């Protein structure tokens, strides 16, 4: 069910991508992006939560990959639905929410 945001660019050398605070910050920013996507396409609205499962940095690169699960209360959203929702937003808008421009917004893993 998980979704991958591949290669967030320009994650700075001072960002510890493995720290809890970095992961929590990205979870909150992804939740904001999903709120925006829901506003755009759904008439029914529920607070989605994001749980990041893994974060990986490309060697010698400022690019980071995230794998995460989106939940509606306790139910995990199907990865296709999650990625479809996020893909309603432009890369620029997702970058605005995450503060890092994404190369690939969302794809099923």
PDB file of N, CA and C in Angstrom:
ATOM      1  N   UNK A   1       0.819  -1.215   0.000  1.00  0.00           N
ATOM      2  CA  UNK A   1       0.000   0.000   0.000  1.00  0.00           C
ATOM      3  C   UNK A   1       0.853   1.265   0.000  1.00  0.00           C
ATOM      4  N   UNK A   2       2.151   1.121   0.189  1.00  0.00           N
ATOM      5  CA  UNK A   2       2.945   2.328   0.378  1.00  0.00           C
ATOM      6  C   UNK A   2       3.186   3.061  -0.933  1.00  0.00           C
ATOM      7  N   UNK A   3       3.531   4.330  -0.786  1.00  0.00           N
ATOM      8  CA  UNK A   3       3.764   5.223  -1.917  1.00  0.00           C
ATOM      9  C   UNK A   3       5.169   5.775  -1.772  1.00  0.00           C
ATOM     10  N   UNK A   4       5.768   6.087  -2.889  1.00  0.00           N
ATOM     11  CA  UNK A   4       7.132   6.605  -2.861  1.00  0.00           C
ATOM     12  C   UNK A   4       7.158   8.002  -3.457  1.00  0.00           C
ATOM     13  N   UNK A   5       7.769   8.939  -2.742  1.00  0.00           N
ATOM     14  CA  UNK A   5       8.132  10.215  -3.357  1.00  0.00           C
ATOM     15  C   UNK A   5       9.618  10.083  -3.598  1.00  0.00           C
ATOM     16  N   UNK A   6       9.988  10.069  -4.855  1.00  0.00           N
ATOM     17  CA  UNK A   6      11.388   9.802  -5.146  1.00  0.00           C
ATOM     18  C   UNK A   6      12.136  11.103  -5.298  1.00  0.00           C
ATOM     19  N   UNK A   7      13.264  11.135  -4.698  1.00  0.00           N
ATOM     20  CA  UNK A   7      14.217  12.196  -4.967  1.00  0.00           C
ATOM     21  C   UNK A   7      13.684  13.592  -4.699  1.00  0.00           C
ATOM     22  N   UNK A   8      13.571  13.906  -3.433  1.00  0.00           N
ATOM     23  CA  UNK A   8      13.351  15.310  -3.069  1.00  0.00           C
ATOM     24  C   UNK A   8      14.702  15.972  -3.221  1.00  0.00           C
ATOM     25  N   UNK A   9      14.735  17.028  -4.006  1.00  0.00           N
ATOM     26  CA  UNK A   9      16.042  17.631  -4.284  1.00  0.00           C
ATOM     27  C   UNK A   9      16.380  18.708  -3.266  1.00  0.00           C
ATOM     28  N   UNK A  10      17.636  18.993  -3.194  1.00  0.00           N
ATOM     29  CA  UNK A  10      18.158  20.114  -2.410  1.00  0.00           C
ATOM     30  C   UNK A  10      17.912  19.959  -0.908  1.00  0.00           C
ATOM     31  N   UNK A  11      17.905  18.721  -0.435  1.00  0.00           N
ATOM     32  CA  UNK A  11      17.892  18.542   1.010  1.00  0.00           C
ATOM     33  C   UNK A  11      19.289  18.894   1.487  1.00  0.00           C
ATOM     34  N   UNK A  12      19.381  19.831   2.391  1.00  0.00           N
ATOM     35  CA  UNK A  12      20.675  20.406   2.748  1.00  0.00           C
ATOM     36  C   UNK A  12      21.543  19.475   3.573  1.00  0.00           C
ATOM     37  N   UNK A  13      22.840  19.749   3.578  1.00  0.00           N
ATOM     38  CA  UNK A  13      23.772  18.907   4.342  1.00  0.00           C
ATOM     39  C   UNK A  13      23.503  18.988   5.840  1.00  0.00           C
ATOM     40  N   UNK A  14      22.846  20.057   6.288  1.00  0.00           N
ATOM     41  CA  UNK A  14      22.563  20.180   7.719  1.00  0.00           C
ATOM     42  C   UNK A  14      21.276  19.453   8.106  1.00  0.00           C
ATOM     43  N   UNK A  15      20.491  19.005   7.117  1.00  0.00           N
ATOM     44  CA  UNK A  15      19.278  18.251   7.419  1.00  0.00           C
ATOM     45  C   UNK A  15      19.660  16.816   7.738  1.00  0.00           C
ATOM     46  N   UNK A  16      19.376  16.381   8.951  1.00  0.00           N
ATOM     47  CA  UNK A  16      19.602  14.975   9.270  1.00  0.00           C
ATOM     48  C   UNK A  16      18.340  14.209   8.902  1.00  0.00           C
ATOM     49  N   UNK A  17      18.374  13.566   7.724  1.00  0.00           N
ATOM     50  CA  UNK A  17      17.152  12.954   7.199  1.00  0.00           C
ATOM     51  C   UNK A  17      16.717  11.758   8.028  1.00  0.00           C
ATOM     52  N   UNK A  18      17.603  11.243   8.878  1.00  0.00           N
ATOM     53  CA  UNK A  18      17.244  10.077   9.685  1.00  0.00           C
ATOM     54  C   UNK A  18      16.728  10.481  11.066  1.00  0.00           C
ATOM     55  N   UNK A  19      16.712  11.771  11.347  1.00  0.00           N
ATOM     56  CA  UNK A  19      16.262  12.201  12.669  1.00  0.00           C
ATOM     57  C   UNK A  19      14.745  12.178  12.749  1.00  0.00           C
ATOM     58  N   UNK A  20      14.243  11.953  13.958  1.00  0.00           N
ATOM     59  CA  UNK A  20      12.787  11.941  14.165  1.00  0.00           C
ATOM     60  C   UNK A  20      12.176  13.274  13.764  1.00  0.00           C
ATOM     61  N   UNK A  21      12.843  14.354  14.083  1.00  0.00           N
ATOM     62  CA  UNK A  21      12.252  15.668  13.806  1.00  0.00           C
ATOM     63  C   UNK A  21      12.115  15.907  12.308  1.00  0.00           C
ATOM     64  N   UNK A  22      13.097  15.463  11.516  1.00  0.00           N
ATOM     65  CA  UNK A  22      13.021  15.632  10.066  1.00  0.00           C
ATOM     66  C   UNK A  22      11.857  14.809   9.508  1.00  0.00           C
ATOM     67  N   UNK A  23      11.750  13.563   9.963  1.00  0.00           N
ATOM     68  CA  UNK A  23      10.681  12.676   9.487  1.00  0.00           C
ATOM     69  C   UNK A  23       9.316  13.225   9.886  1.00  0.00           C
ATOM     70  N   UNK A  24       9.179  13.679  11.138  1.00  0.00           N
ATOM     71  CA  UNK A  24       7.890  14.231  11.594  1.00  0.00           C
ATOM     72  C   UNK A  24       7.519  15.479  10.803  1.00  0.00           C
ATOM     73  N   UNK A  25       8.513  16.311  10.533  1.00  0.00           N
ATOM     74  CA  UNK A  25       8.269  17.529   9.764  1.00  0.00           C
ATOM     75  C   UNK A  25       7.758  17.167   8.362  1.00  0.00           C
ATOM     76  N   UNK A  26       8.399  16.181   7.728  1.00  0.00           N
ATOM     77  CA  UNK A  26       7.959  15.781   6.392  1.00  0.00           C
ATOM     78  C   UNK A  26       6.581  15.133   6.429  1.00  0.00           C
ATOM     79  N   UNK A  27       6.294  14.370   7.477  1.00  0.00           N
ATOM     80  CA  UNK A  27       4.953  13.774   7.604  1.00  0.00           C
ATOM     81  C   UNK A  27       3.894  14.873   7.667  1.00  0.00           C
ATOM     82  N   UNK A  28       4.159  15.895   8.478  1.00  0.00           N
ATOM     83  CA  UNK A  28       3.196  17.000   8.597  1.00  0.00           C
ATOM     84  C   UNK A  28       3.038  17.743   7.272  1.00  0.00           C
ATOM     85  N   UNK A  29       4.142  17.944   6.573  1.00  0.00           N
ATOM     86  CA  UNK A  29       4.069  18.667   5.295  1.00  0.00           C
ATOM     87  C   UNK A  29       3.339  17.846   4.235  1.00  0.00           C
ATOM     88  N   UNK A  30       3.562  16.525   4.238  1.00  0.00           N
ATOM     89  CA  UNK A  30       2.840  15.667   3.307  1.00  0.00           C
ATOM     90  C   UNK A  30       1.345  15.667   3.625  1.00  0.00           C
ATOM     91  N   UNK A  31       1.010  15.673   4.917  1.00  0.00           N
ATOM     92  CA  UNK A  31      -0.404  15.724   5.305  1.00  0.00           C
ATOM     93  C   UNK A  31      -1.055  17.000   4.776  1.00  0.00           C
ATOM     94  N   UNK A  32      -0.331  18.109   4.844  1.00  0.00           N
ATOM     95  CA  UNK A  32      -0.858  19.369   4.300  1.00  0.00           C
ATOM     96  C   UNK A  32      -1.083  19.260   2.800  1.00  0.00           C
ATOM     97  N   UNK A  33      -0.150  18.616   2.108  1.00  0.00           N
ATOM     98  CA  UNK A  33      -0.291  18.446   0.660  1.00  0.00           C
ATOM     99  C   UNK A  33      -1.508  17.568   0.354  1.00  0.00           C
ATOM    100  N   UNK A  34      -1.716  16.517   1.142  1.00  0.00           N
ATOM    101  CA  UNK A  34      -2.883  15.653   0.918  1.00  0.00           C
ATOM    102  C   UNK A  34      -4.180  16.401   1.230  1.00  0.00           C
ATOM    103  N   UNK A  35      -4.162  17.256   2.251  1.00  0.00           N
ATOM    104  CA  UNK A  35      -5.344  18.099   2.531  1.00  0.00           C
ATOM    105  C   UNK A  35      -5.699  18.926   1.306  1.00  0.00           C
ATOM    106  N   UNK A  36      -4.687  19.512   0.726  1.00  0.00           N
ATOM    107  CA  UNK A  36      -4.892  20.358  -0.455  1.00  0.00           C
ATOM    108  C   UNK A  36      -5.437  19.533  -1.627  1.00  0.00           C
ATOM    109  N   UNK A  37      -4.866  18.347  -1.822  1.00  0.00           N
ATOM    110  CA  UNK A  37      -5.310  17.477  -2.923  1.00  0.00           C
ATOM    111  C   UNK A  37      -6.757  17.054  -2.721  1.00  0.00           C
ATOM    112  N   UNK A  38      -7.119  16.738  -1.474  1.00  0.00           N
ATOM    113  CA  UNK A  38      -8.507  16.352  -1.186  1.00  0.00           C
ATOM    114  C   UNK A  38      -9.459  17.506  -1.460  1.00  0.00           C
ATOM    115  N   UNK A  39      -9.064  18.695  -1.076  1.00  0.00           N
ATOM    116  CA  UNK A  39      -9.893  19.883  -1.333  1.00  0.00           C
ATOM    117  C   UNK A  39     -10.200  19.998  -2.815  1.00  0.00           C
ATOM    118  N   UNK A  40      -9.222  19.616  -3.615  1.00  0.00           N
ATOM    119  CA  UNK A  40      -9.335  19.789  -5.057  1.00  0.00           C
ATOM    120  C   UNK A  40     -10.276  18.769  -5.697  1.00  0.00           C
ATOM    121  N   UNK A  41     -10.254  17.531  -5.194  1.00  0.00           N
ATOM    122  CA  UNK A  41     -10.957  16.475  -5.933  1.00  0.00           C
ATOM    123  C   UNK A  41     -12.109  15.803  -5.201  1.00  0.00           C
ATOM    124  N   UNK A  42     -12.158  15.933  -3.893  1.00  0.00           N
ATOM    125  CA  UNK A  42     -13.177  15.180  -3.164  1.00  0.00           C
ATOM    126  C   UNK A  42     -14.184  16.117  -2.519  1.00  0.00           C
ATOM    127  N   UNK A  43     -15.429  15.709  -2.540  1.00  0.00           N
ATOM    128  CA  UNK A  43     -16.416  16.495  -1.816  1.00  0.00           C
ATOM    129  C   UNK A  43     -16.437  16.076  -0.354  1.00  0.00           C
ATOM    130  N   UNK A  44     -16.205  14.785  -0.124  1.00  0.00           N
ATOM    131  CA  UNK A  44     -16.109  14.351   1.270  1.00  0.00           C
ATOM    132  C   UNK A  44     -14.690  14.604   1.721  1.00  0.00           C
ATOM    133  N   UNK A  45     -14.544  14.900   2.974  1.00  0.00           N
ATOM    134  CA  UNK A  45     -13.237  15.323   3.446  1.00  0.00           C
ATOM    135  C   UNK A  45     -12.933  14.602   4.746  1.00  0.00           C
ATOM    136  N   UNK A  46     -11.786  13.995   4.824  1.00  0.00           N
ATOM    137  CA  UNK A  46     -11.369  13.396   6.084  1.00  0.00           C
ATOM    138  C   UNK A  46      -9.890  13.690   6.271  1.00  0.00           C
ATOM    139  N   UNK A  47      -9.497  13.780   7.507  1.00  0.00           N
ATOM    140  CA  UNK A  47      -8.103  14.099   7.800  1.00  0.00           C
ATOM    141  C   UNK A  47      -7.252  12.860   7.546  1.00  0.00           C
ATOM    142  N   UNK A  48      -6.389  12.946   6.566  1.00  0.00           N
ATOM    143  CA  UNK A  48      -5.497  11.832   6.268  1.00  0.00           C
ATOM    144  C   UNK A  48      -4.214  11.999   7.068  1.00  0.00           C
ATOM    145  N   UNK A  49      -3.676  10.890   7.503  1.00  0.00           N
ATOM    146  CA  UNK A  49      -2.389  10.954   8.193  1.00  0.00           C
ATOM    147  C   UNK A  49      -1.350  10.221   7.353  1.00  0.00           C
ATOM    148  N   UNK A  50      -0.120  10.663   7.490  1.00  0.00           N
ATOM    149  CA  UNK A  50       0.977  10.090   6.714  1.00  0.00           C
ATOM    150  C   UNK A  50       1.982   9.484   7.684  1.00  0.00           C
ATOM    151  N   UNK A  51       2.403   8.283   7.359  1.00  0.00           N
ATOM    152  CA  UNK A  51       3.422   7.625   8.173  1.00  0.00           C
ATOM    153  C   UNK A  51       4.584   7.272   7.248  1.00  0.00           C
ATOM    154  N   UNK A  52       5.714   7.894   7.487  1.00  0.00           N
ATOM    155  CA  UNK A  52       6.886   7.625   6.649  1.00  0.00           C
ATOM    156  C   UNK A  52       7.527   6.315   7.111  1.00  0.00           C
ATOM    157  N   UNK A  53       7.724   5.412   6.166  1.00  0.00           N
ATOM    158  CA  UNK A  53       8.284   4.100   6.491  1.00  0.00           C
ATOM    159  C   UNK A  53       9.793   4.070   6.313  1.00  0.00           C
ATOM    160  N   UNK A  54      10.271   4.785   5.319  1.00  0.00           N
ATOM    161  CA  UNK A  54      11.724   4.807   5.145  1.00  0.00           C
ATOM    162  C   UNK A  54      12.152   6.070   4.422  1.00  0.00           C
ATOM    163  N   UNK A  55      13.352   6.474   4.739  1.00  0.00           N
ATOM    164  CA  UNK A  55      13.973   7.644   4.114  1.00  0.00           C
ATOM    165  C   UNK A  55      15.357   7.197   3.686  1.00  0.00           C
ATOM    166  N   UNK A  56      15.713   7.498   2.464  1.00  0.00           N
ATOM    167  CA  UNK A  56      17.041   7.096   1.990  1.00  0.00           C
ATOM    168  C   UNK A  56      17.654   8.229   1.191  1.00  0.00           C
ATOM    169  N   UNK A  57      18.934   8.408   1.359  1.00  0.00           N
ATOM    170  CA  UNK A  57      19.633   9.441   0.590  1.00  0.00           C
ATOM    171  C   UNK A  57      20.503   8.781  -0.463  1.00  0.00           C
ATOM    172  N   UNK A  58      20.436   9.348  -1.663  1.00  0.00           N
ATOM    173  CA  UNK A  58      21.304   8.845  -2.725  1.00  0.00           C
ATOM    174  C   UNK A  58      22.747   9.195  -2.349  1.00  0.00           C
ATOM    175  N   UNK A  59      23.683   8.283  -2.556  1.00  0.00           N
ATOM    176  CA  UNK A  59      25.082   8.581  -2.213  1.00  0.00           C
ATOM    177  C   UNK A  59      25.584   9.827  -2.967  1.00  0.00           C
ATOM    178  N   UNK A  60      26.274  10.695  -2.256  1.00  0.00           N
ATOM    179  CA  UNK A  60      26.869  11.905  -2.855  1.00  0.00           C
ATOM    180  C   UNK A  60      25.850  12.737  -3.625  1.00  0.00           C
ATOM    181  N   UNK A  61      24.671  12.827  -3.097  1.00  0.00           N
ATOM    182  CA  UNK A  61      23.621  13.557  -3.807  1.00  0.00           C
ATOM    183  C   UNK A  61      22.739  14.280  -2.790  1.00  0.00           C
ATOM    184  N   UNK A  62      22.190  15.428  -3.186  1.00  0.00           N
ATOM    185  CA  UNK A  62      21.262  16.123  -2.282  1.00  0.00           C
ATOM    186  C   UNK A  62      19.834  15.589  -2.413  1.00  0.00           C
ATOM    187  N   UNK A  63      19.689  14.405  -3.040  1.00  0.00           N
ATOM    188  CA  UNK A  63      18.359  13.859  -3.286  1.00  0.00           C
ATOM    189  C   UNK A  63      17.997  12.785  -2.269  1.00  0.00           C
ATOM    190  N   UNK A  64      16.734  12.805  -1.864  1.00  0.00           N
ATOM    191  CA  UNK A  64      16.245  11.885  -0.843  1.00  0.00           C
ATOM    192  C   UNK A  64      14.988  11.208  -1.354  1.00  0.00           C
ATOM    193  N   UNK A  65      14.845   9.910  -1.062  1.00  0.00           N
ATOM    194  CA  UNK A  65      13.623   9.182  -1.396  1.00  0.00           C
ATOM    195  C   UNK A  65      12.833   8.908  -0.120  1.00  0.00           C
ATOM    196  N   UNK A  66      11.529   9.058  -0.201  1.00  0.00           N
ATOM    197  CA  UNK A  66      10.647   8.749   0.925  1.00  0.00           C
ATOM    198  C   UNK A  66       9.695   7.640   0.526  1.00  0.00           C
ATOM    199  N   UNK A  67       9.465   6.706   1.420  1.00  0.00           N
ATOM    200  CA  UNK A  67       8.393   5.727   1.234  1.00  0.00           C
ATOM    201  C   UNK A  67       7.453   5.920   2.408  1.00  0.00           C
ATOM    202  N   UNK A  68       6.172   6.089   2.116  1.00  0.00           N
ATOM    203  CA  UNK A  68       5.225   6.383   3.190  1.00  0.00           C
ATOM    204  C   UNK A  68       3.879   5.727   2.929  1.00  0.00           C
ATOM    205  N   UNK A  69       3.095   5.643   4.004  1.00  0.00           N
ATOM    206  CA  UNK A  69       1.744   5.104   3.937  1.00  0.00           C
ATOM    207  C   UNK A  69       0.792   6.217   4.329  1.00  0.00           C
ATOM    208  N   UNK A  70      -0.339   6.290   3.627  1.00  0.00           N
ATOM    209  CA  UNK A  70      -1.367   7.289   3.952  1.00  0.00           C
ATOM    210  C   UNK A  70      -2.529   6.547   4.593  1.00  0.00           C
ATOM    211  N   UNK A  71      -3.003   7.082   5.728  1.00  0.00           N
ATOM    212  CA  UNK A  71      -4.104   6.432   6.438  1.00  0.00           C
ATOM    213  C   UNK A  71      -5.289   7.372   6.572  1.00  0.00           C
ATOM    214  N   UNK A  72      -6.466   6.788   6.458  1.00  0.00           N
ATOM    215  CA  UNK A  72      -7.706   7.486   6.761  1.00  0.00           C
ATOM    216  C   UNK A  72      -8.208   6.847   8.045  1.00  0.00           C
ATOM    217  N   UNK A  73      -8.024   7.543   9.168  1.00  0.00           N
ATOM    218  CA  UNK A  73      -8.197   6.970  10.497  1.00  0.00           C
ATOM    219  C   UNK A  73      -7.279   5.760  10.613  1.00  0.00           C
ATOM    220  N   UNK A  74      -7.838   4.540  10.792  1.00  0.00           N
ATOM    221  CA  UNK A  74      -6.941   3.388  10.949  1.00  0.00           C
ATOM    222  C   UNK A  74      -6.769   2.597   9.668  1.00  0.00           C
ATOM    223  N   UNK A  75      -7.426   3.035   8.599  1.00  0.00           N
ATOM    224  CA  UNK A  75      -7.385   2.278   7.351  1.00  0.00           C
ATOM    225  C   UNK A  75      -6.317   2.838   6.424  1.00  0.00           C
ATOM    226  N   UNK A  76      -5.458   1.954   5.937  1.00  0.00           N
ATOM    227  CA  UNK A  76      -4.442   2.394   4.976  1.00  0.00           C
ATOM    228  C   UNK A  76      -5.088   2.598   3.616  1.00  0.00           C
ATOM    229  N   UNK A  77      -4.776   3.723   2.998  1.00  0.00           N
ATOM    230  CA  UNK A  77      -5.249   3.955   1.637  1.00  0.00           C
ATOM    231  C   UNK A  77      -4.454   3.099   0.671  1.00  0.00           C
ATOM    232  N   UNK A  78      -5.133   2.602  -0.327  1.00  0.00           N
ATOM    233  CA  UNK A  78      -4.476   1.896  -1.415  1.00  0.00           C
ATOM    234  C   UNK A  78      -3.417   2.830  -2.029  1.00  0.00           C
ATOM    235  N   UNK A  79      -2.248   2.284  -2.343  1.00  0.00           N
ATOM    236  CA  UNK A  79      -1.158   3.106  -2.876  1.00  0.00           C
ATOM    237  C   UNK A  79      -1.531   3.835  -4.153  1.00  0.00           C
ATOM    238  N   UNK A  80      -2.376   3.194  -4.972  1.00  0.00           N
ATOM    239  CA  UNK A  80      -2.796   3.831  -6.228  1.00  0.00           C
ATOM    240  C   UNK A  80      -3.644   5.063  -5.941  1.00  0.00           C
ATOM    241  N   UNK A  81      -4.528   4.942  -4.938  1.00  0.00           N
ATOM    242  CA  UNK A  81      -5.383   6.081  -4.571  1.00  0.00           C
ATOM    243  C   UNK A  81      -4.527   7.205  -3.998  1.00  0.00           C
ATOM    244  N   UNK A  82      -3.613   6.844  -3.100  1.00  0.00           N
ATOM    245  CA  UNK A  82      -2.736   7.855  -2.484  1.00  0.00           C
ATOM    246  C   UNK A  82      -1.931   8.602  -3.529  1.00  0.00           C
ATOM    247  N   UNK A  83      -1.301   7.830  -4.429  1.00  0.00           N
ATOM    248  CA  UNK A  83      -0.456   8.489  -5.420  1.00  0.00           C
ATOM    249  C   UNK A  83      -1.313   9.293  -6.389  1.00  0.00           C
ATOM    250  N   UNK A  84      -2.504   8.775  -6.708  1.00  0.00           N
ATOM    251  CA  UNK A  84      -3.415   9.510  -7.593  1.00  0.00           C
ATOM    252  C   UNK A  84      -3.821  10.837  -6.991  1.00  0.00           C
ATOM    253  N   UNK A  85      -4.082  10.823  -5.684  1.00  0.00           N
ATOM    254  CA  UNK A  85      -4.464  12.064  -5.002  1.00  0.00           C
ATOM    255  C   UNK A  85      -3.341  13.086  -5.082  1.00  0.00           C
ATOM    256  N   UNK A  86      -2.139  12.639  -4.713  1.00  0.00           N
ATOM    257  CA  UNK A  86      -1.019  13.582  -4.680  1.00  0.00           C
ATOM    258  C   UNK A  86      -0.683  14.088  -6.078  1.00  0.00           C
ATOM    259  N   UNK A  87      -0.896  13.245  -7.064  1.00  0.00           N
ATOM    260  CA  UNK A  87      -0.607  13.654  -8.439  1.00  0.00           C
ATOM    261  C   UNK A  87      -1.620  14.661  -8.978  1.00  0.00           C
ATOM    262  N   UNK A  88      -2.678  14.944  -8.213  1.00  0.00           N
ATOM    263  CA  UNK A  88      -3.594  16.022  -8.589  1.00  0.00           C
ATOM    264  C   UNK A  88      -2.911  17.383  -8.469  1.00  0.00           C
ATOM    265  N   UNK A  89      -1.872  17.411  -7.659  1.00  0.00           N
ATOM    266  CA  UNK A  89      -1.163  18.678  -7.424  1.00  0.00           C
ATOM    267  C   UNK A  89       0.020  18.775  -8.376  1.00  0.00           C
ATOM    268  N   UNK A  90       0.371  19.974  -8.724  1.00  0.00           N
ATOM    269  CA  UNK A  90       1.557  20.157  -9.559  1.00  0.00           C
ATOM    270  C   UNK A  90       2.817  19.901  -8.717  1.00  0.00           C
ATOM    271  N   UNK A  91       3.898  19.592  -9.387  1.00  0.00           N
ATOM    272  CA  UNK A  91       5.168  19.388  -8.684  1.00  0.00           C
ATOM    273  C   UNK A  91       5.545  20.641  -7.897  1.00  0.00           C
ATOM    274  N   UNK A  92       5.227  21.805  -8.484  1.00  0.00           N
ATOM    275  CA  UNK A  92       5.557  23.070  -7.794  1.00  0.00           C
ATOM    276  C   UNK A  92       4.790  23.179  -6.483  1.00  0.00           C
ATOM    277  N   UNK A  93       3.511  22.772  -6.528  1.00  0.00           N
ATOM    278  CA  UNK A  93       2.689  22.887  -5.325  1.00  0.00           C
ATOM    279  C   UNK A  93       3.147  21.887  -4.261  1.00  0.00           C
ATOM    280  N   UNK A  94       3.471  20.674  -4.687  1.00  0.00           N
ATOM    281  CA  UNK A  94       3.984  19.697  -3.722  1.00  0.00           C
ATOM    282  C   UNK A  94       5.303  20.216  -3.134  1.00  0.00           C
ATOM    283  N   UNK A  95       6.145  20.786  -3.978  1.00  0.00           N
ATOM    284  CA  UNK A  95       7.399  21.372  -3.506  1.00  0.00           C
ATOM    285  C   UNK A  95       7.162  22.502  -2.519  1.00  0.00           C
ATOM    286  N   UNK A  96       6.099  23.267  -2.757  1.00  0.00           N
ATOM    287  CA  UNK A  96       5.744  24.359  -1.842  1.00  0.00           C
ATOM    288  C   UNK A  96       5.401  23.793  -0.462  1.00  0.00           C
ATOM    289  N   UNK A  97       4.621  22.717  -0.438  1.00  0.00           N
ATOM    290  CA  UNK A  97       4.253  22.133   0.853  1.00  0.00           C
ATOM    291  C   UNK A  97       5.432  21.465   1.540  1.00  0.00           C
ATOM    292  N   UNK A  98       6.259  20.770   0.757  1.00  0.00           N
ATOM    293  CA  UNK A  98       7.360  20.021   1.366  1.00  0.00           C
ATOM    294  C   UNK A  98       8.601  20.878   1.597  1.00  0.00           C
ATOM    295  N   UNK A  99       8.665  22.034   0.948  1.00  0.00           N
ATOM    296  CA  UNK A  99       9.837  22.921   0.971  1.00  0.00           C
ATOM    297  C   UNK A  99      10.994  22.358   0.158  1.00  0.00           C
ATOM    298  N   UNK A 100      10.798  21.205  -0.489  1.00  0.00           N
ATOM    299  CA  UNK A 100      11.827  20.616  -1.340  1.00  0.00           C
ATOM    300  C   UNK A 100      11.162  20.240  -2.654  1.00  0.00           C
ATOM    301  N   UNK A 101      11.736  20.616  -3.787  1.00  0.00           N
ATOM    302  CA  UNK A 101      11.098  20.254  -5.058  1.00  0.00           C
ATOM    303  C   UNK A 101      11.229  18.757  -5.342  1.00  0.00           C
ATOM    304  N   UNK A 102      10.118  18.090  -5.657  1.00  0.00           N
ATOM    305  CA  UNK A 102      10.200  16.660  -5.958  1.00  0.00           C
ATOM    306  C   UNK A 102      10.495  16.409  -7.428  1.00  0.00           C
ATOM    307  N   UNK A 103      11.235  15.348  -7.692  1.00  0.00           N
ATOM    308  CA  UNK A 103      11.442  14.928  -9.086  1.00  0.00           C
ATOM    309  C   UNK A 103      10.273  14.059  -9.543  1.00  0.00           C
ATOM    310  N   UNK A 104       9.895  13.100  -8.696  1.00  0.00           N
ATOM    311  CA  UNK A 104       8.741  12.252  -8.977  1.00  0.00           C
ATOM    312  C   UNK A 104       7.809  12.431  -7.806  1.00  0.00           C
ATOM    313  N   UNK A 105       6.586  12.884  -8.065  1.00  0.00           N
ATOM    314  CA  UNK A 105       5.720  13.195  -6.934  1.00  0.00           C
ATOM    315  C   UNK A 105       5.295  11.931  -6.202  1.00  0.00           C
ATOM    316  N   UNK A 106       4.664  11.008  -6.896  1.00  0.00           N
ATOM    317  CA  UNK A 106       4.152   9.845  -6.175  1.00  0.00           C
ATOM    318  C   UNK A 106       4.026   8.680  -7.125  1.00  0.00           C
ATOM    319  N   UNK A 107       4.433   7.547  -6.635  1.00  0.00           N
ATOM    320  CA  UNK A 107       4.219   6.321  -7.395  1.00  0.00           C
ATOM    321  C   UNK A 107       4.059   5.197  -6.392  1.00  0.00           C
ATOM    322  N   UNK A 108       3.350   4.183  -6.799  1.00  0.00           N
ATOM    323  CA  UNK A 108       3.200   3.037  -5.890  1.00  0.00           C
ATOM    324  C   UNK A 108       4.526   2.327  -5.754  1.00  0.00           C
ATOM    325  N   UNK A 109       4.761   1.778  -4.565  1.00  0.00           N
ATOM    326  CA  UNK A 109       5.990   1.006  -4.396  1.00  0.00           C
ATOM    327  C   UNK A 109       5.667  -0.468  -4.410  1.00  0.00           C
TER     328      UNK A 109
END
